[in-house]
């Protein structure tokens, strides 16, 4: 583990950040916090 290439460490870090952002976005969109989101199209319906 101590002899990892810098490119490998960077790719693992970028992938980890991407996965965390994706999971957080899905949780915010469909989980319990989604109850607080408002739909702008519903708010301004004619």
N, C-alpha and C. Protein backbone atom coordinates (compact mmCIF):
# COMPACT_ATOMS: atom_id res chain seq x y z
N UNK A 1 0.82 -1.19 0.00
CA UNK A 1 0.00 0.00 0.00
C UNK A 1 0.87 1.26 0.00
N UNK A 2 2.07 1.17 0.59
CA UNK A 2 2.89 2.37 0.68
C UNK A 2 3.61 2.69 -0.63
N UNK A 3 3.61 1.77 -1.60
CA UNK A 3 4.28 1.99 -2.87
C UNK A 3 3.32 2.29 -4.01
N UNK A 4 2.18 2.92 -3.71
CA UNK A 4 1.20 3.20 -4.76
C UNK A 4 1.67 4.39 -5.60
N UNK A 5 1.39 4.32 -6.88
CA UNK A 5 1.72 5.41 -7.79
C UNK A 5 0.85 6.63 -7.47
N UNK A 6 1.38 7.82 -7.67
CA UNK A 6 0.56 9.02 -7.43
C UNK A 6 -0.69 9.08 -8.32
N UNK A 7 -0.59 8.58 -9.54
CA UNK A 7 -1.75 8.57 -10.44
C UNK A 7 -2.84 7.65 -9.91
N UNK A 8 -2.46 6.55 -9.29
CA UNK A 8 -3.44 5.62 -8.72
C UNK A 8 -4.15 6.25 -7.53
N UNK A 9 -3.40 6.92 -6.68
CA UNK A 9 -3.99 7.60 -5.52
C UNK A 9 -4.94 8.69 -6.00
N UNK A 10 -4.55 9.45 -7.00
CA UNK A 10 -5.40 10.51 -7.54
C UNK A 10 -6.68 9.94 -8.14
N UNK A 11 -6.57 8.85 -8.91
CA UNK A 11 -7.77 8.26 -9.52
C UNK A 11 -8.72 7.70 -8.47
N UNK A 12 -8.18 7.06 -7.44
CA UNK A 12 -9.03 6.53 -6.37
C UNK A 12 -9.72 7.68 -5.64
N UNK A 13 -9.00 8.76 -5.40
CA UNK A 13 -9.57 9.92 -4.71
C UNK A 13 -10.68 10.56 -5.54
N UNK A 14 -10.45 10.73 -6.82
CA UNK A 14 -11.47 11.33 -7.70
C UNK A 14 -12.70 10.44 -7.76
N UNK A 15 -12.52 9.14 -7.87
CA UNK A 15 -13.65 8.21 -7.90
C UNK A 15 -14.42 8.24 -6.58
N UNK A 16 -13.72 8.30 -5.47
CA UNK A 16 -14.39 8.35 -4.16
C UNK A 16 -15.21 9.62 -4.02
N UNK A 17 -14.67 10.75 -4.43
CA UNK A 17 -15.41 12.02 -4.36
C UNK A 17 -16.63 11.96 -5.27
N UNK A 18 -16.49 11.40 -6.46
CA UNK A 18 -17.61 11.28 -7.40
C UNK A 18 -18.72 10.41 -6.82
N UNK A 19 -18.36 9.31 -6.20
CA UNK A 19 -19.35 8.41 -5.59
C UNK A 19 -20.06 9.11 -4.43
N UNK A 20 -19.31 9.82 -3.59
CA UNK A 20 -19.93 10.52 -2.46
C UNK A 20 -20.90 11.59 -2.94
N UNK A 21 -20.51 12.36 -3.95
CA UNK A 21 -21.40 13.41 -4.48
C UNK A 21 -22.65 12.80 -5.09
N UNK A 22 -22.51 11.68 -5.80
CA UNK A 22 -23.66 11.02 -6.41
C UNK A 22 -24.62 10.49 -5.35
N UNK A 23 -24.09 9.83 -4.33
CA UNK A 23 -24.95 9.30 -3.27
C UNK A 23 -25.63 10.43 -2.51
N UNK A 24 -24.92 11.51 -2.23
CA UNK A 24 -25.51 12.65 -1.54
C UNK A 24 -26.61 13.29 -2.37
N UNK A 25 -26.41 13.39 -3.68
CA UNK A 25 -27.43 13.97 -4.56
C UNK A 25 -28.68 13.11 -4.60
N UNK A 26 -28.50 11.80 -4.69
CA UNK A 26 -29.66 10.89 -4.71
C UNK A 26 -30.40 10.95 -3.39
N UNK A 27 -29.67 10.99 -2.28
CA UNK A 27 -30.31 11.06 -0.97
C UNK A 27 -31.10 12.36 -0.82
N UNK A 28 -30.52 13.47 -1.29
CA UNK A 28 -31.20 14.76 -1.19
C UNK A 28 -32.43 14.80 -2.08
N UNK A 29 -32.36 14.18 -3.25
CA UNK A 29 -33.47 14.22 -4.20
C UNK A 29 -34.62 13.31 -3.82
N UNK A 30 -34.33 12.13 -3.31
CA UNK A 30 -35.37 11.14 -3.08
C UNK A 30 -35.55 10.75 -1.62
N UNK A 31 -34.66 11.14 -0.75
CA UNK A 31 -34.74 10.77 0.66
C UNK A 31 -35.62 11.73 1.45
N UNK A 32 -35.55 11.66 2.77
CA UNK A 32 -36.34 12.54 3.63
C UNK A 32 -36.14 14.04 3.38
N UNK A 33 -34.94 14.52 3.03
CA UNK A 33 -34.80 15.97 2.78
C UNK A 33 -35.60 16.45 1.57
N UNK A 34 -36.06 15.54 0.71
CA UNK A 34 -36.79 15.96 -0.48
C UNK A 34 -38.15 16.55 -0.14
N UNK A 35 -38.65 16.33 1.07
CA UNK A 35 -39.94 16.89 1.47
C UNK A 35 -39.88 18.41 1.54
N UNK A 36 -38.67 18.96 1.79
CA UNK A 36 -38.51 20.40 1.91
C UNK A 36 -38.29 21.08 0.56
N UNK A 37 -38.05 20.32 -0.50
CA UNK A 37 -37.81 20.90 -1.82
C UNK A 37 -39.14 21.35 -2.42
N UNK A 38 -39.11 22.45 -3.15
CA UNK A 38 -40.33 22.91 -3.82
C UNK A 38 -40.18 22.76 -5.32
N UNK A 39 -41.29 22.56 -5.98
CA UNK A 39 -41.30 22.42 -7.43
C UNK A 39 -41.64 23.78 -8.04
N UNK A 40 -40.70 24.42 -8.73
CA UNK A 40 -40.98 25.75 -9.27
C UNK A 40 -42.10 25.76 -10.31
N UNK A 41 -42.31 24.64 -11.00
CA UNK A 41 -43.37 24.59 -12.00
C UNK A 41 -44.75 24.52 -11.32
N UNK A 42 -44.82 23.84 -10.16
CA UNK A 42 -46.07 23.80 -9.41
C UNK A 42 -46.38 25.14 -8.76
N UNK A 43 -45.33 25.86 -8.33
CA UNK A 43 -45.52 27.14 -7.65
C UNK A 43 -46.09 28.21 -8.59
N UNK A 44 -45.77 28.14 -9.87
CA UNK A 44 -46.17 29.19 -10.81
C UNK A 44 -47.14 28.68 -11.87
N UNK A 45 -47.97 27.73 -11.48
CA UNK A 45 -48.92 27.16 -12.44
C UNK A 45 -50.07 28.14 -12.66
N UNK A 46 -50.51 28.27 -13.92
CA UNK A 46 -51.60 29.20 -14.25
C UNK A 46 -52.95 28.57 -14.05
